[in-house]
Amino acid sequence: LIQAPKGDLFMRSADDHRPAAEIKMDVIGRLTHSFGIAKFA
């Protein structure tokens, strides 16, 4: 609706009670490792 750029969406699972930093570190770690991402923002 707000015309945000297209992109993949990663969200906390409903039963995941970890702090946001842990959840985001998990997603970023998995994706950078899986896709061999050298640099990111």
Full PDB file with SEQRES, HELIX, SHEET, SSBOND, CRYST1, ORIGX, SCALE, CONECT and MASTER records, all heavy atoms in Angstrom:
SEQRES   1 A   41  LEU ILE GLN ALA PRO LYS GLY ASP LEU PHE MET ARG SER          
SEQRES   2 A   41  ALA ASP ASP HIS ARG PRO ALA ALA GLU ILE LYS MET ASP          
SEQRES   3 A   41  VAL ILE GLY ARG LEU THR HIS SER PHE GLY ILE ALA LYS          
SEQRES   4 A   41  PHE ALA                                                      
HELIX    1 AA1 ALA A   20  SER A   34  1                                  15    
CRYST1    1.000    1.000    1.000  90.00  90.00  90.00 P 1           1          
ORIGX1      1.000000  0.000000  0.000000        0.00000                         
ORIGX2      0.000000  1.000000  0.000000        0.00000                         
ORIGX3      0.000000  0.000000  1.000000        0.00000                         
SCALE1      1.000000  0.000000  0.000000        0.00000                         
SCALE2      0.000000  1.000000  0.000000        0.00000                         
SCALE3      0.000000  0.000000  1.000000        0.00000                         
ATOM      1  N   LEU A   1       0.814  -1.212   0.000  1.00  0.00           N  
ATOM      2  CA  LEU A   1       0.000   0.000   0.000  1.00  0.00           C  
ATOM      3  C   LEU A   1       0.850   1.267   0.000  1.00  0.00           C  
ATOM      4  O   LEU A   1       0.527   2.236  -0.684  1.00  0.00           O  
ATOM      5  CB  LEU A   1      -0.941  -0.004   1.212  1.00  0.00           C  
ATOM      6  CG  LEU A   1      -1.875   1.186   1.336  1.00  0.00           C  
ATOM      7  CD1 LEU A   1      -2.933   1.164   0.228  1.00  0.00           C  
ATOM      8  CD2 LEU A   1      -2.551   1.176   2.704  1.00  0.00           C  
ATOM      9  N   ILE A   2       1.937   1.245   0.745  1.00  0.00           N  
ATOM     10  CA  ILE A   2       2.794   2.439   0.814  1.00  0.00           C  
ATOM     11  C   ILE A   2       3.857   2.434  -0.285  1.00  0.00           C  
ATOM     12  O   ILE A   2       4.731   3.285  -0.304  1.00  0.00           O  
ATOM     13  CB  ILE A   2       3.456   2.590   2.194  1.00  0.00           C  
ATOM     14  CG1 ILE A   2       4.392   1.420   2.487  1.00  0.00           C  
ATOM     15  CG2 ILE A   2       2.402   2.758   3.282  1.00  0.00           C  
ATOM     16  CD1 ILE A   2       5.299   1.625   3.673  1.00  0.00           C  
ATOM     17  N   GLN A   3       3.767   1.479  -1.173  1.00  0.00           N  
ATOM     18  CA  GLN A   3       4.685   1.339  -2.298  1.00  0.00           C  
ATOM     19  C   GLN A   3       6.140   1.193  -1.847  1.00  0.00           C  
ATOM     20  O   GLN A   3       7.046   1.792  -2.415  1.00  0.00           O  
ATOM     21  CB  GLN A   3       4.526   2.517  -3.267  1.00  0.00           C  
ATOM     22  CG  GLN A   3       3.138   2.584  -3.854  1.00  0.00           C  
ATOM     23  CD  GLN A   3       2.912   3.778  -4.751  1.00  0.00           C  
ATOM     24  OE1 GLN A   3       3.561   4.802  -4.629  1.00  0.00           O  
ATOM     25  NE2 GLN A   3       1.974   3.620  -5.665  1.00  0.00           N  
ATOM     26  N   ALA A   4       6.310   0.383  -0.822  1.00  0.00           N  
ATOM     27  CA  ALA A   4       7.671   0.040  -0.396  1.00  0.00           C  
ATOM     28  C   ALA A   4       8.296  -0.808  -1.498  1.00  0.00           C  
ATOM     29  O   ALA A   4       7.581  -1.518  -2.222  1.00  0.00           O  
ATOM     30  CB  ALA A   4       7.627  -0.741   0.917  1.00  0.00           C  
ATOM     31  N   PRO A   5       9.612  -0.753  -1.640  1.00  0.00           N  
ATOM     32  CA  PRO A   5      10.253  -1.565  -2.681  1.00  0.00           C  
ATOM     33  C   PRO A   5       9.951  -3.049  -2.490  1.00  0.00           C  
ATOM     34  O   PRO A   5       9.773  -3.528  -1.367  1.00  0.00           O  
ATOM     35  CB  PRO A   5      11.746  -1.300  -2.476  1.00  0.00           C  
ATOM     36  CG  PRO A   5      11.814  -0.021  -1.734  1.00  0.00           C  
ATOM     37  CD  PRO A   5      10.570   0.053  -0.901  1.00  0.00           C  
ATOM     38  N   LYS A   6       9.881  -3.770  -3.572  1.00  0.00           N  
ATOM     39  CA  LYS A   6       9.684  -5.221  -3.507  1.00  0.00           C  
ATOM     40  C   LYS A   6      10.851  -5.838  -2.755  1.00  0.00           C  
ATOM     41  O   LYS A   6      11.992  -5.406  -2.890  1.00  0.00           O  
ATOM     42  CB  LYS A   6       9.608  -5.825  -4.908  1.00  0.00           C  
ATOM     43  CG  LYS A   6       8.463  -5.306  -5.737  1.00  0.00           C  
ATOM     44  CD  LYS A   6       7.144  -5.812  -5.225  1.00  0.00           C  
ATOM     45  CE  LYS A   6       6.011  -5.349  -6.121  1.00  0.00           C  
ATOM     46  NZ  LYS A   6       4.838  -4.997  -5.378  1.00  0.00           N  
ATOM     47  N   GLY A   7      10.540  -6.846  -1.965  1.00  0.00           N  
ATOM     48  CA  GLY A   7      11.591  -7.528  -1.221  1.00  0.00           C  
ATOM     49  C   GLY A   7      11.036  -8.694  -0.446  1.00  0.00           C  
ATOM     50  O   GLY A   7       9.824  -8.781  -0.197  1.00  0.00           O  
ATOM     51  N   ASP A   8      11.909  -9.590  -0.049  1.00  0.00           N  
ATOM     52  CA  ASP A   8      11.512 -10.726   0.776  1.00  0.00           C  
ATOM     53  C   ASP A   8      11.198 -10.237   2.184  1.00  0.00           C  
ATOM     54  O   ASP A   8      11.788  -9.268   2.660  1.00  0.00           O  
ATOM     55  CB  ASP A   8      12.631 -11.767   0.816  1.00  0.00           C  
ATOM     56  CG  ASP A   8      12.918 -12.358  -0.552  1.00  0.00           C  
ATOM     57  OD1 ASP A   8      11.962 -12.742  -1.236  1.00  0.00           O  
ATOM     58  OD2 ASP A   8      14.103 -12.414  -0.934  1.00  0.00           O  
ATOM     59  N   LEU A   9      10.282 -10.930   2.861  1.00  0.00           N  
ATOM     60  CA  LEU A   9       9.845 -10.561   4.192  1.00  0.00           C  
ATOM     61  C   LEU A   9      10.116 -11.708   5.158  1.00  0.00           C  
ATOM     62  O   LEU A   9       9.592 -12.804   4.981  1.00  0.00           O  
ATOM     63  CB  LEU A   9       8.343 -10.223   4.168  1.00  0.00           C  
ATOM     64  CG  LEU A   9       7.657  -9.920   5.489  1.00  0.00           C  
ATOM     65  CD1 LEU A   9       8.303  -8.716   6.185  1.00  0.00           C  
ATOM     66  CD2 LEU A   9       6.161  -9.675   5.244  1.00  0.00           C  
ATOM     67  N   PHE A  10      10.949 -11.442   6.161  1.00  0.00           N  
ATOM     68  CA  PHE A  10      11.253 -12.427   7.193  1.00  0.00           C  
ATOM     69  C   PHE A  10      10.686 -11.923   8.510  1.00  0.00           C  
ATOM     70  O   PHE A  10      10.972 -10.805   8.940  1.00  0.00           O  
ATOM     71  CB  PHE A  10      12.764 -12.656   7.311  1.00  0.00           C  
ATOM     72  CG  PHE A  10      13.327 -13.403   6.143  1.00  0.00           C  
ATOM     73  CD1 PHE A  10      13.686 -12.738   4.988  1.00  0.00           C  
ATOM     74  CD2 PHE A  10      13.473 -14.781   6.197  1.00  0.00           C  
ATOM     75  CE1 PHE A  10      14.188 -13.426   3.891  1.00  0.00           C  
ATOM     76  CE2 PHE A  10      13.963 -15.481   5.111  1.00  0.00           C  
ATOM     77  CZ  PHE A  10      14.327 -14.799   3.959  1.00  0.00           C  
ATOM     78  N   MET A  11       9.880 -12.786   9.153  1.00  0.00           N  
ATOM     79  CA  MET A  11       9.178 -12.423  10.375  1.00  0.00           C  
ATOM     80  C   MET A  11       9.424 -13.458  11.468  1.00  0.00           C  
ATOM     81  O   MET A  11       9.767 -14.597  11.180  1.00  0.00           O  
ATOM     82  CB  MET A  11       7.679 -12.311  10.095  1.00  0.00           C  
ATOM     83  CG  MET A  11       7.340 -11.337   8.974  1.00  0.00           C  
ATOM     84  SD  MET A  11       5.573 -11.201   8.647  1.00  0.00           S  
ATOM     85  CE  MET A  11       5.084 -10.133   9.993  1.00  0.00           C  
ATOM     86  N   ARG A  12       9.189 -13.052  12.676  1.00  0.00           N  
ATOM     87  CA  ARG A  12       9.274 -13.930  13.846  1.00  0.00           C  
ATOM     88  C   ARG A  12       8.160 -14.969  13.763  1.00  0.00           C  
ATOM     89  O   ARG A  12       7.030 -14.634  13.419  1.00  0.00           O  
ATOM     90  CB  ARG A  12       9.086 -13.069  15.090  1.00  0.00           C  
ATOM     91  CG  ARG A  12       8.860 -13.800  16.370  1.00  0.00           C  
ATOM     92  CD  ARG A  12       8.302 -12.903  17.479  1.00  0.00           C  
ATOM     93  NE  ARG A  12       8.986 -11.666  17.685  1.00  0.00           N  
ATOM     94  CZ  ARG A  12       9.938 -11.476  18.601  1.00  0.00           C  
ATOM     95  NH1 ARG A  12      10.300 -12.458  19.393  1.00  0.00           N  
ATOM     96  NH2 ARG A  12      10.514 -10.310  18.730  1.00  0.00           N  
ATOM     97  N   SER A  13       8.456 -16.219  14.060  1.00  0.00           N  
ATOM     98  CA  SER A  13       7.372 -17.200  14.133  1.00  0.00           C  
ATOM     99  C   SER A  13       6.571 -16.928  15.406  1.00  0.00           C  
ATOM    100  O   SER A  13       7.102 -16.414  16.387  1.00  0.00           O  
ATOM    101  CB  SER A  13       7.912 -18.627  14.106  1.00  0.00           C  
ATOM    102  OG  SER A  13       8.642 -18.900  15.261  1.00  0.00           O  
ATOM    103  N   ALA A  14       5.310 -17.270  15.376  1.00  0.00           N  
ATOM    104  CA  ALA A  14       4.399 -16.951  16.482  1.00  0.00           C  
ATOM    105  C   ALA A  14       4.859 -17.527  17.819  1.00  0.00           C  
ATOM    106  O   ALA A  14       4.568 -16.972  18.870  1.00  0.00           O  
ATOM    107  CB  ALA A  14       2.997 -17.433  16.154  1.00  0.00           C  
ATOM    108  N   ASP A  15       5.592 -18.615  17.801  1.00  0.00           N  
ATOM    109  CA  ASP A  15       6.050 -19.232  19.053  1.00  0.00           C  
ATOM    110  C   ASP A  15       7.500 -18.881  19.397  1.00  0.00           C  
ATOM    111  O   ASP A  15       8.083 -19.479  20.295  1.00  0.00           O  
ATOM    112  CB  ASP A  15       5.859 -20.744  18.992  1.00  0.00           C  
ATOM    113  CG  ASP A  15       6.660 -21.388  17.869  1.00  0.00           C  
ATOM    114  OD1 ASP A  15       7.172 -20.661  16.993  1.00  0.00           O  
ATOM    115  OD2 ASP A  15       6.760 -22.629  17.860  1.00  0.00           O  
ATOM    116  N   ASP A  16       8.080 -17.916  18.717  1.00  0.00           N  
ATOM    117  CA  ASP A  16       9.468 -17.504  18.968  1.00  0.00           C  
ATOM    118  C   ASP A  16       9.458 -16.289  19.897  1.00  0.00           C  
ATOM    119  O   ASP A  16       8.985 -15.217  19.526  1.00  0.00           O  
ATOM    120  CB  ASP A  16      10.151 -17.151  17.641  1.00  0.00           C  
ATOM    121  CG  ASP A  16      11.643 -16.934  17.790  1.00  0.00           C  
ATOM    122  OD1 ASP A  16      12.127 -16.703  18.920  1.00  0.00           O  
ATOM    123  OD2 ASP A  16      12.343 -16.991  16.756  1.00  0.00           O  
ATOM    124  N   HIS A  17       9.970 -16.464  21.103  1.00  0.00           N  
ATOM    125  CA  HIS A  17       9.916 -15.414  22.120  1.00  0.00           C  
ATOM    126  C   HIS A  17      11.272 -14.752  22.349  1.00  0.00           C  
ATOM    127  O   HIS A  17      11.451 -14.040  23.331  1.00  0.00           O  
ATOM    128  CB  HIS A  17       9.374 -15.990  23.430  1.00  0.00           C  
ATOM    129  CG  HIS A  17       8.081 -16.735  23.257  1.00  0.00           C  
ATOM    130  ND1 HIS A  17       6.919 -16.109  22.870  1.00  0.00           N  
ATOM    131  CD2 HIS A  17       7.788 -18.041  23.362  1.00  0.00           C  
ATOM    132  CE1 HIS A  17       5.953 -16.998  22.776  1.00  0.00           C  
ATOM    133  NE2 HIS A  17       6.452 -18.182  23.063  1.00  0.00           N  
ATOM    134  N   ARG A  18      12.211 -14.971  21.437  1.00  0.00           N  
ATOM    135  CA  ARG A  18      13.535 -14.363  21.597  1.00  0.00           C  
ATOM    136  C   ARG A  18      13.471 -12.860  21.341  1.00  0.00           C  
ATOM    137  O   ARG A  18      12.578 -12.374  20.644  1.00  0.00           O  
ATOM    138  CB  ARG A  18      14.531 -14.980  20.615  1.00  0.00           C  
ATOM    139  CG  ARG A  18      14.802 -16.450  20.842  1.00  0.00           C  
ATOM    140  CD  ARG A  18      15.728 -16.996  19.782  1.00  0.00           C  
ATOM    141  NE  ARG A  18      15.056 -16.948  18.463  1.00  0.00           N  
ATOM    142  CZ  ARG A  18      15.690 -17.017  17.299  1.00  0.00           C  
ATOM    143  NH1 ARG A  18      17.012 -17.113  17.258  1.00  0.00           N  
ATOM    144  NH2 ARG A  18      15.021 -16.986  16.170  1.00  0.00           N  
ATOM    145  N   PRO A  19      14.457 -12.126  21.851  1.00  0.00           N  
ATOM    146  CA  PRO A  19      14.530 -10.690  21.548  1.00  0.00           C  
ATOM    147  C   PRO A  19      14.747 -10.464  20.046  1.00  0.00           C  
ATOM    148  O   PRO A  19      15.306 -11.319  19.341  1.00  0.00           O  
ATOM    149  CB  PRO A  19      15.756 -10.214  22.339  1.00  0.00           C  
ATOM    150  CG  PRO A  19      15.987 -11.256  23.381  1.00  0.00           C  
ATOM    151  CD  PRO A  19      15.487 -12.551  22.805  1.00  0.00           C  
ATOM    152  N   ALA A  20      14.322  -9.301  19.578  1.00  0.00           N  
ATOM    153  CA  ALA A  20      14.427  -8.969  18.151  1.00  0.00           C  
ATOM    154  C   ALA A  20      15.863  -9.094  17.643  1.00  0.00           C  
ATOM    155  O   ALA A  20      16.086  -9.561  16.528  1.00  0.00           O  
ATOM    156  CB  ALA A  20      13.903  -7.557  17.903  1.00  0.00           C  
ATOM    157  N   ALA A  21      16.835  -8.699  18.452  1.00  0.00           N  
ATOM    158  CA  ALA A  21      18.232  -8.771  18.007  1.00  0.00           C  
ATOM    159  C   ALA A  21      18.629 -10.209  17.684  1.00  0.00           C  
ATOM    160  O   ALA A  21      19.297 -10.464  16.676  1.00  0.00           O  
ATOM    161  CB  ALA A  21      19.171  -8.183  19.060  1.00  0.00           C  
ATOM    162  N   GLU A  22      18.201 -11.163  18.493  1.00  0.00           N  
ATOM    163  CA  GLU A  22      18.526 -12.567  18.239  1.00  0.00           C  
ATOM    164  C   GLU A  22      17.845 -13.075  16.976  1.00  0.00           C  
ATOM    165  O   GLU A  22      18.454 -13.796  16.176  1.00  0.00           O  
ATOM    166  CB  GLU A  22      18.121 -13.442  19.426  1.00  0.00           C  
ATOM    167  CG  GLU A  22      19.020 -13.296  20.628  1.00  0.00           C  
ATOM    168  CD  GLU A  22      18.597 -14.209  21.763  1.00  0.00           C  
ATOM    169  OE1 GLU A  22      18.168 -15.358  21.496  1.00  0.00           O  
ATOM    170  OE2 GLU A  22      18.675 -13.765  22.926  1.00  0.00           O  
ATOM    171  N   ILE A  23      16.605 -12.707  16.801  1.00  0.00           N  
ATOM    172  CA  ILE A  23      15.861 -13.152  15.630  1.00  0.00           C  
ATOM    173  C   ILE A  23      16.492 -12.598  14.357  1.00  0.00           C  
ATOM    174  O   ILE A  23      16.731 -13.323  13.396  1.00  0.00           O  
ATOM    175  CB  ILE A  23      14.383 -12.725  15.744  1.00  0.00           C  
ATOM    176  CG1 ILE A  23      13.707 -13.530  16.867  1.00  0.00           C  
ATOM    177  CG2 ILE A  23      13.637 -12.888  14.427  1.00  0.00           C  
ATOM    178  CD1 ILE A  23      12.397 -12.987  17.319  1.00  0.00           C  
ATOM    179  N   LYS A  24      16.790 -11.309  14.369  1.00  0.00           N  
ATOM    180  CA  LYS A  24      17.363 -10.677  13.181  1.00  0.00           C  
ATOM    181  C   LYS A  24      18.771 -11.196  12.905  1.00  0.00           C  
ATOM    182  O   LYS A  24      19.141 -11.406  11.742  1.00  0.00           O  
ATOM    183  CB  LYS A  24      17.344  -9.158  13.333  1.00  0.00           C  
ATOM    184  CG  LYS A  24      15.915  -8.619  13.299  1.00  0.00           C  
ATOM    185  CD  LYS A  24      15.873  -7.129  13.508  1.00  0.00           C  
ATOM    186  CE  LYS A  24      14.431  -6.646  13.529  1.00  0.00           C  
ATOM    187  NZ  LYS A  24      14.346  -5.190  13.677  1.00  0.00           N  
ATOM    188  N   MET A  25      19.556 -11.431  13.944  1.00  0.00           N  
ATOM    189  CA  MET A  25      20.895 -12.002  13.767  1.00  0.00           C  
ATOM    190  C   MET A  25      20.794 -13.385  13.137  1.00  0.00           C  
ATOM    191  O   MET A  25      21.608 -13.744  12.275  1.00  0.00           O  
ATOM    192  CB  MET A  25      21.633 -12.092  15.097  1.00  0.00           C  
ATOM    193  CG  MET A  25      22.195 -10.771  15.574  1.00  0.00           C  
ATOM    194  SD  MET A  25      23.539 -10.197  14.535  1.00  0.00           S  
ATOM    195  CE  MET A  25      24.720 -11.494  14.796  1.00  0.00           C  
ATOM    196  N   ASP A  26      19.819 -14.159  13.560  1.00  0.00           N  
ATOM    197  CA  ASP A  26      19.613 -15.496  12.997  1.00  0.00           C  
ATOM    198  C   ASP A  26      19.305 -15.419  11.506  1.00  0.00           C  
ATOM    199  O   ASP A  26      19.912 -16.120  10.700  1.00  0.00           O  
ATOM    200  CB  ASP A  26      18.485 -16.205  13.757  1.00  0.00           C  
ATOM    201  CG  ASP A  26      18.252 -17.620  13.276  1.00  0.00           C  
ATOM    202  OD1 ASP A  26      19.236 -18.357  13.078  1.00  0.00           O  
ATOM    203  OD2 ASP A  26      17.074 -17.989  13.100  1.00  0.00           O  
ATOM    204  N   VAL A  27      18.359 -14.548  11.133  1.00  0.00           N  
ATOM    205  CA  VAL A  27      17.984 -14.406   9.720  1.00  0.00           C  
ATOM    206  C   VAL A  27      19.172 -13.910   8.897  1.00  0.00           C  
ATOM    207  O   VAL A  27      19.506 -14.486   7.855  1.00  0.00           O  
ATOM    208  CB  VAL A  27      16.780 -13.443   9.560  1.00  0.00           C  
ATOM    209  CG1 VAL A  27      16.552 -13.079   8.095  1.00  0.00           C  
ATOM    210  CG2 VAL A  27      15.526 -14.046  10.169  1.00  0.00           C  
ATOM    211  N   ILE A  28      19.817 -12.861   9.367  1.00  0.00           N  
ATOM    212  CA  ILE A  28      20.945 -12.285   8.627  1.00  0.00           C  
ATOM    213  C   ILE A  28      22.084 -13.291   8.522  1.00  0.00           C  
ATOM    214  O   ILE A  28      22.681 -13.459   7.451  1.00  0.00           O  
ATOM    215  CB  ILE A  28      21.404 -10.966   9.282  1.00  0.00           C  
ATOM    216  CG1 ILE A  28      20.313  -9.901   9.102  1.00  0.00           C  
ATOM    217  CG2 ILE A  28      22.741 -10.501   8.706  1.00  0.00           C  
ATOM    218  CD1 ILE A  28      20.523  -8.638   9.929  1.00  0.00           C  
ATOM    219  N   GLY A  29      22.366 -13.994   9.602  1.00  0.00           N  
ATOM    220  CA  GLY A  29      23.426 -15.010   9.576  1.00  0.00           C  
ATOM    221  C   GLY A  29      23.142 -16.122   8.586  1.00  0.00           C  
ATOM    222  O   GLY A  29      24.017 -16.516   7.812  1.00  0.00           O  
ATOM    223  N   ARG A  30      21.918 -16.641   8.610  1.00  0.00           N  
ATOM    224  CA  ARG A  30      21.548 -17.720   7.686  1.00  0.00           C  
ATOM    225  C   ARG A  30      21.639 -17.267   6.229  1.00  0.00           C  
ATOM    226  O   ARG A  30      22.176 -17.972   5.376  1.00  0.00           O  
ATOM    227  CB  ARG A  30      20.140 -18.234   7.971  1.00  0.00           C  
ATOM    228  CG  ARG A  30      20.057 -19.190   9.144  1.00  0.00           C  
ATOM    229  CD  ARG A  30      18.673 -19.791   9.321  1.00  0.00           C  
ATOM    230  NE  ARG A  30      17.715 -18.777   9.775  1.00  0.00           N  
ATOM    231  CZ  ARG A  30      16.608 -18.432   9.116  1.00  0.00           C  
ATOM    232  NH1 ARG A  30      16.288 -19.016   7.988  1.00  0.00           N  
ATOM    233  NH2 ARG A  30      15.802 -17.506   9.590  1.00  0.00           N  
ATOM    234  N   LEU A  31      21.107 -16.083   5.938  1.00  0.00           N  
ATOM    235  CA  LEU A  31      21.079 -15.617   4.552  1.00  0.00           C  
ATOM    236  C   LEU A  31      22.468 -15.260   4.030  1.00  0.00           C  
ATOM    237  O   LEU A  31      22.799 -15.600   2.895  1.00  0.00           O  
ATOM    238  CB  LEU A  31      20.130 -14.425   4.406  1.00  0.00           C  
ATOM    239  CG  LEU A  31      18.648 -14.743   4.607  1.00  0.00           C  
ATOM    240  CD1 LEU A  31      17.806 -13.483   4.523  1.00  0.00           C  
ATOM    241  CD2 LEU A  31      18.166 -15.775   3.602  1.00  0.00           C  
ATOM    242  N   THR A  32      23.258 -14.602   4.850  1.00  0.00           N  
ATOM    243  CA  THR A  32      24.600 -14.246   4.375  1.00  0.00           C  
ATOM    244  C   THR A  32      25.449 -15.499   4.163  1.00  0.00           C  
ATOM    245  O   THR A  32      26.222 -15.569   3.220  1.00  0.00           O  
ATOM    246  CB  THR A  32      25.312 -13.274   5.342  1.00  0.00           C  
ATOM    247  OG1 THR A  32      25.361 -13.835   6.657  1.00  0.00           O  
ATOM    248  CG2 THR A  32      24.619 -11.921   5.368  1.00  0.00           C  
ATOM    249  N   HIS A  33      25.266 -16.490   5.031  1.00  0.00           N  
ATOM    250  CA  HIS A  33      26.008 -17.748   4.882  1.00  0.00           C  
ATOM    251  C   HIS A  33      25.513 -18.535   3.663  1.00  0.00           C  
ATOM    252  O   HIS A  33      26.303 -18.986   2.839  1.00  0.00           O  
ATOM    253  CB  HIS A  33      25.885 -18.585   6.152  1.00  0.00           C  
ATOM    254  CG  HIS A  33      26.575 -19.907   6.059  1.00  0.00           C  
ATOM    255  ND1 HIS A  33      27.945 -20.024   6.120  1.00  0.00           N  
ATOM    256  CD2 HIS A  33      26.090 -21.159   5.873  1.00  0.00           C  
ATOM    257  CE1 HIS A  33      28.272 -21.303   5.982  1.00  0.00           C  
ATOM    258  NE2 HIS A  33      27.160 -22.012   5.834  1.00  0.00           N  
ATOM    259  N   SER A  34      24.196 -18.695   3.551  1.00  0.00           N  
ATOM    260  CA  SER A  34      23.623 -19.489   2.456  1.00  0.00           C  
ATOM    261  C   SER A  34      23.936 -18.932   1.078  1.00  0.00           C  
ATOM    262  O   SER A  34      24.194 -19.679   0.142  1.00  0.00           O  
ATOM    263  CB  SER A  34      22.100 -19.570   2.595  1.00  0.00           C  
ATOM    264  OG  SER A  34      21.758 -20.282   3.749  1.00  0.00           O  
ATOM    265  N   PHE A  35      23.915 -17.609   0.972  1.00  0.00           N  
ATOM    266  CA  PHE A  35      24.103 -16.984  -0.336  1.00  0.00           C  
ATOM    267  C   PHE A  35      25.502 -16.409  -0.524  1.00  0.00           C  
ATOM    268  O   PHE A  35      25.766 -15.762  -1.539  1.00  0.00           O  
ATOM    269  CB  PHE A  35      23.036 -15.910  -0.575  1.00  0.00           C  
ATOM    270  CG  PHE A  35      21.649 -16.469  -0.608  1.00  0.00           C  
ATOM    271  CD1 PHE A  35      20.741 -16.177   0.391  1.00  0.00           C  
ATOM    272  CD2 PHE A  35      21.252 -17.327  -1.634  1.00  0.00           C  
ATOM    273  CE1 PHE A  35      19.458 -16.705   0.375  1.00  0.00           C  
ATOM    274  CE2 PHE A  35      19.973 -17.860  -1.658  1.00  0.00           C  
ATOM    275  CZ  PHE A  35      19.076 -17.552  -0.654  1.00  0.00           C  
ATOM    276  N   GLY A  36      26.377 -16.627   0.436  1.00  0.00           N  
ATOM    277  CA  GLY A  36      27.745 -16.141   0.315  1.00  0.00           C  
ATOM    278  C   GLY A  36      27.819 -14.629   0.146  1.00  0.00           C  
ATOM    279  O   GLY A  36      28.610 -14.123  -0.649  1.00  0.00           O  
ATOM    280  N   ILE A  37      27.002 -13.922   0.886  1.00  0.00           N  
ATOM    281  CA  ILE A  37      26.961 -12.463   0.783  1.00  0.00           C  
ATOM    282  C   ILE A  37      28.192 -11.877   1.467  1.00  0.00           C  
ATOM    283  O   ILE A  37      28.422 -12.094   2.654  1.00  0.00           O  
ATOM    284  CB  ILE A  37      25.672 -11.908   1.419  1.00  0.00           C  
ATOM    285  CG1 ILE A  37      24.454 -12.467   0.696  1.00  0.00           C  
ATOM    286  CG2 ILE A  37      25.670 -10.384   1.428  1.00  0.00           C  
ATOM    287  CD1 ILE A  37      23.145 -12.211   1.397  1.00  0.00           C  
ATOM    288  N   ALA A  38      28.970 -11.133   0.702  1.00  0.00           N  
ATOM    289  CA  ALA A  38      30.194 -10.550   1.237  1.00  0.00           C  
ATOM    290  C   ALA A  38      29.923  -9.252   1.991  1.00  0.00           C  
ATOM    291  O   ALA A  38      30.455  -9.036   3.078  1.00  0.00           O  
ATOM    292  CB  ALA A  38      31.191 -10.295   0.108  1.00  0.00           C  
ATOM    293  N   LYS A  39      29.107  -8.382   1.414  1.00  0.00           N  
ATOM    294  CA  LYS A  39      28.806  -7.098   2.039  1.00  0.00           C  
ATOM    295  C   LYS A  39      27.306  -6.882   2.027  1.00  0.00           C  
ATOM    296  O   LYS A  39      26.618  -7.289   1.096  1.00  0.00           O  
ATOM    297  CB  LYS A  39      29.473  -5.957   1.274  1.00  0.00           C  
ATOM    298  CG  LYS A  39      30.970  -5.964   1.365  1.00  0.00           C  
ATOM    299  CD  LYS A  39      31.534  -4.757   0.652  1.00  0.00           C  
ATOM    300  CE  LYS A  39      33.056  -4.800   0.731  1.00  0.00           C  
ATOM    301  NZ  LYS A  39      33.650  -3.662   0.056  1.00  0.00           N  
ATOM    302  N   PHE A  40      26.823  -6.217   3.068  1.00  0.00           N  
ATOM    303  CA  PHE A  40      25.408  -5.893   3.136  1.00  0.00           C  
ATOM    304  C   PHE A  40      25.223  -4.663   4.001  1.00  0.00           C  
ATOM    305  O   PHE A  40      26.147  -4.231   4.690  1.00  0.00           O  
ATOM    306  CB  PHE A  40      24.585  -7.073   3.676  1.00  0.00           C  
ATOM    307  CG  PHE A  40      24.869  -7.434   5.100  1.00  0.00           C  
ATOM    308  CD1 PHE A  40      24.156  -6.848   6.140  1.00  0.00           C  
ATOM    309  CD2 PHE A  40      25.849  -8.372   5.413  1.00  0.00           C  
ATOM    310  CE1 PHE A  40      24.415  -7.191   7.463  1.00  0.00           C  
ATOM    311  CE2 PHE A  40      26.113  -8.719   6.726  1.00  0.00           C  
ATOM    312  CZ  PHE A  40      25.393  -8.125   7.752  1.00  0.00           C  
ATOM    313  N   ALA A  41      24.025  -4.117   3.960  1.00  0.00           N  
ATOM    314  CA  ALA A  41      23.671  -2.978   4.810  1.00  0.00           C  
ATOM    315  C   ALA A  41      22.470  -3.357   5.665  1.00  0.00           C  
ATOM    316  O   ALA A  41      21.656  -4.200   5.270  1.00  0.00           O  
ATOM    317  CB  ALA A  41      23.354  -1.759   3.965  1.00  0.00           C  
TER     318      ALA A  41                                                      
MASTER        0    0    0    1    0    0    0    6  317    1    0    4          
END                                                                             
